[in-house]
Amino acid sequence: MPRKQGLRLKDQEISFAAYSELKAFCLQYEEKKRRLADVYGGGWGHRTEMPRGNTCADPTAHRAEIAAKLSNDVELIEKTAKEVDDSIATYLLKNVTQEWTWDAMKLHDNIPIGRRQFYAARKRFFFLLALKKDMIE
């Protein structure tokens, strides 16, 4: 079976499987933001008059736990992008969370750095994210 092409992170000791996990984590960014808005906006969950089994004893605490987890995940991605380079953080976020390529951002947004520099910054993003998620030492 041919090997899938991905980000080359062997020099940072990040396996292809770990990179795939980090990439999937980042691709959930928009979904996590929507779910967080639902939790805060009160549109979370189903409310019926019918009793259900296996429900949380304290639904408010449960919602707070979910909100904290989602908020931490969103913040982790955003802070890591800013840590790499604050001036291109929005472009990094577009790339890692929505899979915008450098070429597309050059045409649409006129990204202010070159392709090689951008992908080096992206590589650094995944390295820092792996460190923060304790995937490497």
N, C-alpha and C. Protein backbone atom coordinates (compact mmCIF):
# COMPACT_ATOMS: atom_id res chain seq x y z
N MET A 1 0.85 -1.17 0.00
CA MET A 1 0.00 0.00 0.00
C MET A 1 0.90 1.24 0.00
N PRO A 2 0.61 2.21 -0.87
CA PRO A 2 1.44 3.41 -0.91
C PRO A 2 1.27 4.24 0.36
N ARG A 3 2.37 4.85 0.75
CA ARG A 3 2.35 5.68 1.95
C ARG A 3 1.71 7.03 1.62
N LYS A 4 0.81 7.47 2.46
CA LYS A 4 0.20 8.78 2.26
C LYS A 4 1.22 9.87 2.47
N GLN A 5 1.14 10.90 1.68
CA GLN A 5 2.06 12.03 1.82
C GLN A 5 1.50 12.97 2.87
N GLY A 6 2.31 13.34 3.80
CA GLY A 6 1.90 14.27 4.84
C GLY A 6 3.06 15.18 5.18
N LEU A 7 2.93 15.87 6.24
CA LEU A 7 3.97 16.76 6.71
C LEU A 7 5.15 15.94 7.18
N ARG A 8 6.35 16.31 6.78
CA ARG A 8 7.54 15.56 7.17
C ARG A 8 8.03 16.06 8.52
N LEU A 9 7.75 15.29 9.55
CA LEU A 9 8.11 15.69 10.90
C LEU A 9 9.01 14.67 11.60
N LYS A 10 9.65 13.79 10.83
CA LYS A 10 10.51 12.79 11.45
C LYS A 10 11.65 13.43 12.24
N ASP A 11 12.16 14.55 11.75
CA ASP A 11 13.24 15.22 12.47
C ASP A 11 12.76 15.77 13.81
N GLN A 12 11.45 15.96 14.00
CA GLN A 12 10.89 16.38 15.28
C GLN A 12 10.32 15.20 16.06
N GLU A 13 10.54 13.98 15.57
CA GLU A 13 10.07 12.76 16.22
C GLU A 13 8.55 12.70 16.33
N ILE A 14 7.86 13.19 15.35
CA ILE A 14 6.41 13.08 15.30
C ILE A 14 6.08 12.06 14.22
N SER A 15 5.44 10.98 14.60
CA SER A 15 5.10 9.93 13.65
C SER A 15 3.96 10.39 12.74
N PHE A 16 3.78 9.65 11.65
CA PHE A 16 2.70 9.98 10.73
C PHE A 16 1.35 9.83 11.44
N ALA A 17 1.22 8.82 12.29
CA ALA A 17 -0.03 8.61 13.03
C ALA A 17 -0.30 9.77 13.98
N ALA A 18 0.74 10.25 14.67
CA ALA A 18 0.57 11.38 15.60
C ALA A 18 0.21 12.64 14.82
N TYR A 19 0.88 12.86 13.69
CA TYR A 19 0.55 14.02 12.85
C TYR A 19 -0.91 13.94 12.39
N SER A 20 -1.34 12.75 11.98
CA SER A 20 -2.73 12.58 11.53
C SER A 20 -3.71 12.92 12.65
N GLU A 21 -3.37 12.52 13.87
CA GLU A 21 -4.22 12.82 15.03
C GLU A 21 -4.27 14.34 15.28
N LEU A 22 -3.12 15.00 15.19
CA LEU A 22 -3.08 16.45 15.39
C LEU A 22 -3.87 17.18 14.30
N LYS A 23 -3.72 16.71 13.09
CA LYS A 23 -4.44 17.32 11.96
C LYS A 23 -5.95 17.18 12.16
N ALA A 24 -6.39 15.97 12.55
CA ALA A 24 -7.83 15.75 12.80
C ALA A 24 -8.32 16.63 13.95
N PHE A 25 -7.51 16.78 14.98
CA PHE A 25 -7.85 17.66 16.10
C PHE A 25 -8.08 19.08 15.60
N CYS A 26 -7.20 19.57 14.74
CA CYS A 26 -7.33 20.93 14.22
C CYS A 26 -8.53 21.08 13.29
N LEU A 27 -8.83 20.05 12.53
CA LEU A 27 -9.98 20.12 11.61
C LEU A 27 -11.32 20.16 12.35
N GLN A 28 -11.33 19.84 13.64
CA GLN A 28 -12.53 19.92 14.45
C GLN A 28 -12.73 21.32 15.05
N TYR A 29 -11.83 22.24 14.78
CA TYR A 29 -11.84 23.59 15.35
C TYR A 29 -13.19 24.30 15.16
N GLU A 30 -13.67 24.37 13.92
CA GLU A 30 -14.94 25.07 13.65
C GLU A 30 -16.10 24.37 14.35
N GLU A 31 -16.09 23.06 14.34
CA GLU A 31 -17.15 22.30 15.02
C GLU A 31 -17.13 22.57 16.53
N LYS A 32 -15.94 22.62 17.10
CA LYS A 32 -15.82 22.90 18.54
C LYS A 32 -16.31 24.31 18.86
N LYS A 33 -16.03 25.27 18.00
CA LYS A 33 -16.51 26.63 18.21
C LYS A 33 -18.04 26.69 18.15
N ARG A 34 -18.62 25.96 17.20
CA ARG A 34 -20.09 25.92 17.09
C ARG A 34 -20.71 25.26 18.32
N ARG A 35 -20.13 24.15 18.75
CA ARG A 35 -20.66 23.46 19.94
C ARG A 35 -20.53 24.32 21.18
N LEU A 36 -19.43 25.06 21.27
CA LEU A 36 -19.22 25.96 22.41
C LEU A 36 -20.29 27.05 22.41
N ALA A 37 -20.57 27.61 21.24
CA ALA A 37 -21.62 28.63 21.14
C ALA A 37 -22.98 28.04 21.53
N ASP A 38 -23.23 26.80 21.14
CA ASP A 38 -24.49 26.14 21.52
C ASP A 38 -24.59 25.96 23.03
N VAL A 39 -23.49 25.56 23.66
CA VAL A 39 -23.49 25.34 25.11
C VAL A 39 -23.78 26.66 25.82
N TYR A 40 -23.11 27.73 25.38
CA TYR A 40 -23.32 29.03 26.02
C TYR A 40 -24.65 29.66 25.65
N GLY A 41 -25.14 29.33 24.45
CA GLY A 41 -26.38 29.94 23.98
C GLY A 41 -27.64 29.23 24.45
N GLY A 42 -27.48 28.12 25.12
CA GLY A 42 -28.66 27.41 25.63
C GLY A 42 -29.28 26.47 24.63
N GLY A 43 -28.74 26.37 23.43
CA GLY A 43 -29.31 25.49 22.43
C GLY A 43 -28.74 24.09 22.50
N TRP A 44 -28.19 23.73 23.64
CA TRP A 44 -27.48 22.46 23.79
C TRP A 44 -28.41 21.37 24.29
N GLY A 45 -28.31 20.23 23.65
CA GLY A 45 -29.06 19.06 24.14
C GLY A 45 -30.52 19.08 23.75
N HIS A 46 -31.20 17.99 24.07
CA HIS A 46 -32.62 17.86 23.79
C HIS A 46 -33.37 18.01 25.10
N ARG A 47 -34.44 18.74 25.05
CA ARG A 47 -35.26 18.89 26.26
C ARG A 47 -36.66 18.37 25.96
N THR A 48 -37.00 17.33 26.69
CA THR A 48 -38.35 16.78 26.58
C THR A 48 -38.86 16.54 27.98
N GLU A 49 -40.13 16.28 28.08
CA GLU A 49 -40.72 16.00 29.38
C GLU A 49 -40.54 14.53 29.76
N MET A 50 -40.08 13.72 28.83
CA MET A 50 -39.92 12.30 29.09
C MET A 50 -38.65 12.07 29.90
N PRO A 51 -38.73 11.25 30.95
CA PRO A 51 -37.52 10.94 31.71
C PRO A 51 -36.58 10.06 30.88
N ARG A 52 -35.28 10.26 31.13
CA ARG A 52 -34.28 9.46 30.42
C ARG A 52 -33.35 8.84 31.45
N GLY A 53 -32.85 7.68 31.12
CA GLY A 53 -31.86 7.04 31.98
C GLY A 53 -30.47 7.56 31.67
N ASN A 54 -29.54 7.29 32.55
CA ASN A 54 -28.13 7.65 32.37
C ASN A 54 -27.92 9.15 32.17
N THR A 55 -28.70 9.95 32.83
CA THR A 55 -28.51 11.40 32.71
C THR A 55 -27.62 11.88 33.85
N CYS A 56 -27.00 12.98 33.62
CA CYS A 56 -26.13 13.58 34.62
C CYS A 56 -26.97 14.14 35.77
N ALA A 57 -26.50 13.95 36.98
CA ALA A 57 -27.23 14.45 38.16
C ALA A 57 -27.27 15.97 38.17
N ASP A 58 -26.23 16.59 37.66
CA ASP A 58 -26.16 18.05 37.64
C ASP A 58 -25.89 18.52 36.21
N PRO A 59 -26.94 18.77 35.44
CA PRO A 59 -26.75 19.15 34.03
C PRO A 59 -25.97 20.44 33.85
N THR A 60 -26.08 21.37 34.79
CA THR A 60 -25.33 22.63 34.69
C THR A 60 -23.84 22.36 34.80
N ALA A 61 -23.45 21.52 35.74
CA ALA A 61 -22.03 21.17 35.89
C ALA A 61 -21.53 20.42 34.67
N HIS A 62 -22.36 19.56 34.11
CA HIS A 62 -22.00 18.81 32.92
C HIS A 62 -21.76 19.76 31.74
N ARG A 63 -22.65 20.73 31.57
CA ARG A 63 -22.48 21.73 30.50
C ARG A 63 -21.22 22.53 30.71
N ALA A 64 -20.92 22.88 31.97
CA ALA A 64 -19.71 23.64 32.27
C ALA A 64 -18.46 22.84 31.93
N GLU A 65 -18.47 21.54 32.22
CA GLU A 65 -17.34 20.68 31.89
C GLU A 65 -17.13 20.61 30.38
N ILE A 66 -18.21 20.45 29.65
CA ILE A 66 -18.12 20.39 28.19
C ILE A 66 -17.62 21.72 27.64
N ALA A 67 -18.15 22.83 28.15
CA ALA A 67 -17.72 24.15 27.70
C ALA A 67 -16.23 24.37 27.98
N ALA A 68 -15.76 23.94 29.14
CA ALA A 68 -14.35 24.11 29.50
C ALA A 68 -13.46 23.31 28.55
N LYS A 69 -13.84 22.09 28.24
CA LYS A 69 -13.05 21.25 27.34
C LYS A 69 -13.00 21.85 25.95
N LEU A 70 -14.15 22.25 25.43
CA LEU A 70 -14.20 22.84 24.09
C LEU A 70 -13.40 24.14 24.04
N SER A 71 -13.57 24.97 25.06
CA SER A 71 -12.85 26.23 25.13
C SER A 71 -11.34 26.02 25.18
N ASN A 72 -10.90 25.04 25.97
CA ASN A 72 -9.47 24.74 26.05
C ASN A 72 -8.91 24.28 24.71
N ASP A 73 -9.66 23.45 23.99
CA ASP A 73 -9.21 22.96 22.69
C ASP A 73 -9.09 24.10 21.68
N VAL A 74 -10.11 24.96 21.62
CA VAL A 74 -10.10 26.09 20.70
C VAL A 74 -8.94 27.03 21.04
N GLU A 75 -8.79 27.32 22.32
CA GLU A 75 -7.73 28.22 22.77
C GLU A 75 -6.34 27.64 22.50
N LEU A 76 -6.18 26.34 22.65
CA LEU A 76 -4.90 25.70 22.39
C LEU A 76 -4.48 25.89 20.94
N ILE A 77 -5.39 25.70 20.02
CA ILE A 77 -5.09 25.86 18.60
C ILE A 77 -4.75 27.32 18.30
N GLU A 78 -5.56 28.24 18.80
CA GLU A 78 -5.34 29.67 18.53
C GLU A 78 -4.03 30.17 19.13
N LYS A 79 -3.75 29.80 20.37
CA LYS A 79 -2.52 30.25 21.03
C LYS A 79 -1.29 29.68 20.36
N THR A 80 -1.37 28.45 19.92
CA THR A 80 -0.23 27.83 19.24
C THR A 80 0.06 28.55 17.93
N ALA A 81 -0.98 28.90 17.18
CA ALA A 81 -0.77 29.64 15.93
C ALA A 81 -0.14 31.00 16.20
N LYS A 82 -0.59 31.68 17.24
CA LYS A 82 -0.01 32.98 17.59
C LYS A 82 1.42 32.84 18.09
N GLU A 83 1.70 31.76 18.78
CA GLU A 83 3.04 31.52 19.29
C GLU A 83 4.04 31.31 18.16
N VAL A 84 3.59 30.67 17.09
CA VAL A 84 4.47 30.45 15.95
C VAL A 84 4.85 31.79 15.32
N ASP A 85 3.84 32.59 14.99
CA ASP A 85 4.08 33.91 14.40
C ASP A 85 2.76 34.67 14.42
N ASP A 86 2.68 35.65 15.29
CA ASP A 86 1.44 36.40 15.46
C ASP A 86 0.98 37.07 14.16
N SER A 87 1.93 37.46 13.31
CA SER A 87 1.56 38.18 12.09
C SER A 87 0.90 37.28 11.05
N ILE A 88 1.10 35.97 11.13
CA ILE A 88 0.47 35.07 10.17
C ILE A 88 -0.46 34.05 10.84
N ALA A 89 -0.81 34.30 12.08
CA ALA A 89 -1.65 33.35 12.83
C ALA A 89 -2.98 33.08 12.13
N THR A 90 -3.60 34.10 11.57
CA THR A 90 -4.89 33.89 10.89
C THR A 90 -4.72 32.97 9.68
N TYR A 91 -3.59 33.09 8.98
CA TYR A 91 -3.34 32.23 7.81
C TYR A 91 -3.05 30.80 8.26
N LEU A 92 -2.30 30.66 9.33
CA LEU A 92 -2.04 29.33 9.88
C LEU A 92 -3.35 28.66 10.29
N LEU A 93 -4.22 29.43 10.95
CA LEU A 93 -5.52 28.88 11.35
C LEU A 93 -6.34 28.43 10.14
N LYS A 94 -6.35 29.23 9.09
CA LYS A 94 -7.08 28.84 7.88
C LYS A 94 -6.54 27.55 7.31
N ASN A 95 -5.22 27.41 7.34
CA ASN A 95 -4.60 26.22 6.78
C ASN A 95 -4.88 24.98 7.62
N VAL A 96 -4.63 25.05 8.92
CA VAL A 96 -4.73 23.85 9.75
C VAL A 96 -6.16 23.50 10.14
N THR A 97 -7.09 24.48 10.10
CA THR A 97 -8.46 24.19 10.51
C THR A 97 -9.43 24.06 9.34
N GLN A 98 -9.07 24.62 8.17
CA GLN A 98 -9.97 24.58 7.02
C GLN A 98 -9.28 24.05 5.77
N GLU A 99 -8.01 23.70 5.89
CA GLU A 99 -7.20 23.14 4.81
C GLU A 99 -7.02 24.09 3.61
N TRP A 100 -6.97 25.38 3.88
CA TRP A 100 -6.65 26.33 2.83
C TRP A 100 -5.17 26.15 2.48
N THR A 101 -4.86 26.09 1.21
CA THR A 101 -3.46 25.98 0.80
C THR A 101 -2.83 27.37 0.73
N TRP A 102 -1.50 27.41 0.68
CA TRP A 102 -0.81 28.68 0.53
C TRP A 102 -1.24 29.35 -0.77
N ASP A 103 -1.37 28.57 -1.86
CA ASP A 103 -1.77 29.12 -3.16
C ASP A 103 -3.14 29.79 -3.08
N ALA A 104 -4.09 29.14 -2.43
CA ALA A 104 -5.43 29.72 -2.30
C ALA A 104 -5.40 31.00 -1.48
N MET A 105 -4.60 31.01 -0.40
CA MET A 105 -4.51 32.21 0.43
C MET A 105 -3.77 33.32 -0.29
N LYS A 106 -2.83 32.97 -1.16
CA LYS A 106 -2.12 33.99 -1.93
C LYS A 106 -3.09 34.67 -2.89
N LEU A 107 -3.93 33.89 -3.53
CA LEU A 107 -4.92 34.46 -4.46
C LEU A 107 -6.02 35.24 -3.74
N HIS A 108 -6.55 34.66 -2.67
CA HIS A 108 -7.71 35.23 -2.00
C HIS A 108 -7.34 36.32 -1.00
N ASP A 109 -6.31 36.08 -0.19
CA ASP A 109 -5.98 36.98 0.92
C ASP A 109 -4.65 37.70 0.75
N ASN A 110 -3.89 37.36 -0.29
CA ASN A 110 -2.55 37.92 -0.50
C ASN A 110 -1.68 37.73 0.75
N ILE A 111 -1.49 36.48 1.14
CA ILE A 111 -0.68 36.12 2.30
C ILE A 111 0.70 36.80 2.21
N PRO A 112 1.18 37.40 3.31
CA PRO A 112 2.37 38.24 3.24
C PRO A 112 3.72 37.52 3.27
N ILE A 113 3.73 36.18 3.32
CA ILE A 113 5.02 35.48 3.32
C ILE A 113 5.04 34.45 2.20
N GLY A 114 6.24 34.00 1.88
CA GLY A 114 6.41 33.03 0.81
C GLY A 114 5.98 31.63 1.22
N ARG A 115 5.85 30.79 0.21
CA ARG A 115 5.40 29.42 0.41
C ARG A 115 6.32 28.66 1.36
N ARG A 116 7.62 28.69 1.13
CA ARG A 116 8.56 27.94 1.96
C ARG A 116 8.50 28.39 3.42
N GLN A 117 8.45 29.70 3.63
CA GLN A 117 8.37 30.22 5.00
C GLN A 117 7.05 29.82 5.67
N PHE A 118 5.98 29.85 4.88
CA PHE A 118 4.67 29.49 5.44
C PHE A 118 4.65 28.04 5.89
N TYR A 119 5.12 27.15 5.02
CA TYR A 119 5.07 25.73 5.38
C TYR A 119 6.07 25.38 6.48
N ALA A 120 7.14 26.16 6.61
CA ALA A 120 8.04 25.98 7.75
C ALA A 120 7.31 26.40 9.04
N ALA A 121 6.54 27.47 8.98
CA ALA A 121 5.76 27.92 10.14
C ALA A 121 4.69 26.88 10.48
N ARG A 122 4.08 26.29 9.48
CA ARG A 122 3.07 25.25 9.69
C ARG A 122 3.69 24.04 10.38
N LYS A 123 4.88 23.68 9.93
CA LYS A 123 5.61 22.58 10.54
C LYS A 123 5.89 22.87 12.02
N ARG A 124 6.30 24.10 12.30
CA ARG A 124 6.55 24.51 13.68
C ARG A 124 5.25 24.46 14.49
N PHE A 125 4.13 24.86 13.89
CA PHE A 125 2.84 24.81 14.56
C PHE A 125 2.55 23.39 15.05
N PHE A 126 2.69 22.41 14.16
CA PHE A 126 2.39 21.03 14.55
C PHE A 126 3.38 20.50 15.57
N PHE A 127 4.63 20.93 15.49
CA PHE A 127 5.62 20.53 16.48
C PHE A 127 5.22 21.07 17.86
N LEU A 128 4.88 22.36 17.94
CA LEU A 128 4.49 22.96 19.22
C LEU A 128 3.19 22.34 19.75
N LEU A 129 2.26 22.08 18.87
CA LEU A 129 1.00 21.45 19.28
C LEU A 129 1.25 20.05 19.84
N ALA A 130 2.14 19.31 19.20
CA ALA A 130 2.48 17.97 19.70
C ALA A 130 3.12 18.06 21.08
N LEU A 131 3.96 19.06 21.29
CA LEU A 131 4.57 19.25 22.61
C LEU A 131 3.50 19.55 23.66
N LYS A 132 2.58 20.44 23.32
CA LYS A 132 1.53 20.84 24.25
C LYS A 132 0.56 19.70 24.57
N LYS A 133 0.37 18.81 23.62
CA LYS A 133 -0.54 17.69 23.85
C LYS A 133 0.22 16.45 24.36
N ASP A 134 1.48 16.66 24.77
CA ASP A 134 2.32 15.60 25.33
C ASP A 134 2.46 14.39 24.40
N MET A 135 2.59 14.66 23.11
CA MET A 135 2.79 13.57 22.15
C MET A 135 4.27 13.32 21.90
N ILE A 136 5.10 14.29 22.26
CA ILE A 136 6.56 14.14 22.18
C ILE A 136 7.17 14.77 23.41
N GLU A 137 8.40 14.44 23.66
CA GLU A 137 9.07 15.01 24.84
C GLU A 137 10.06 16.07 24.43
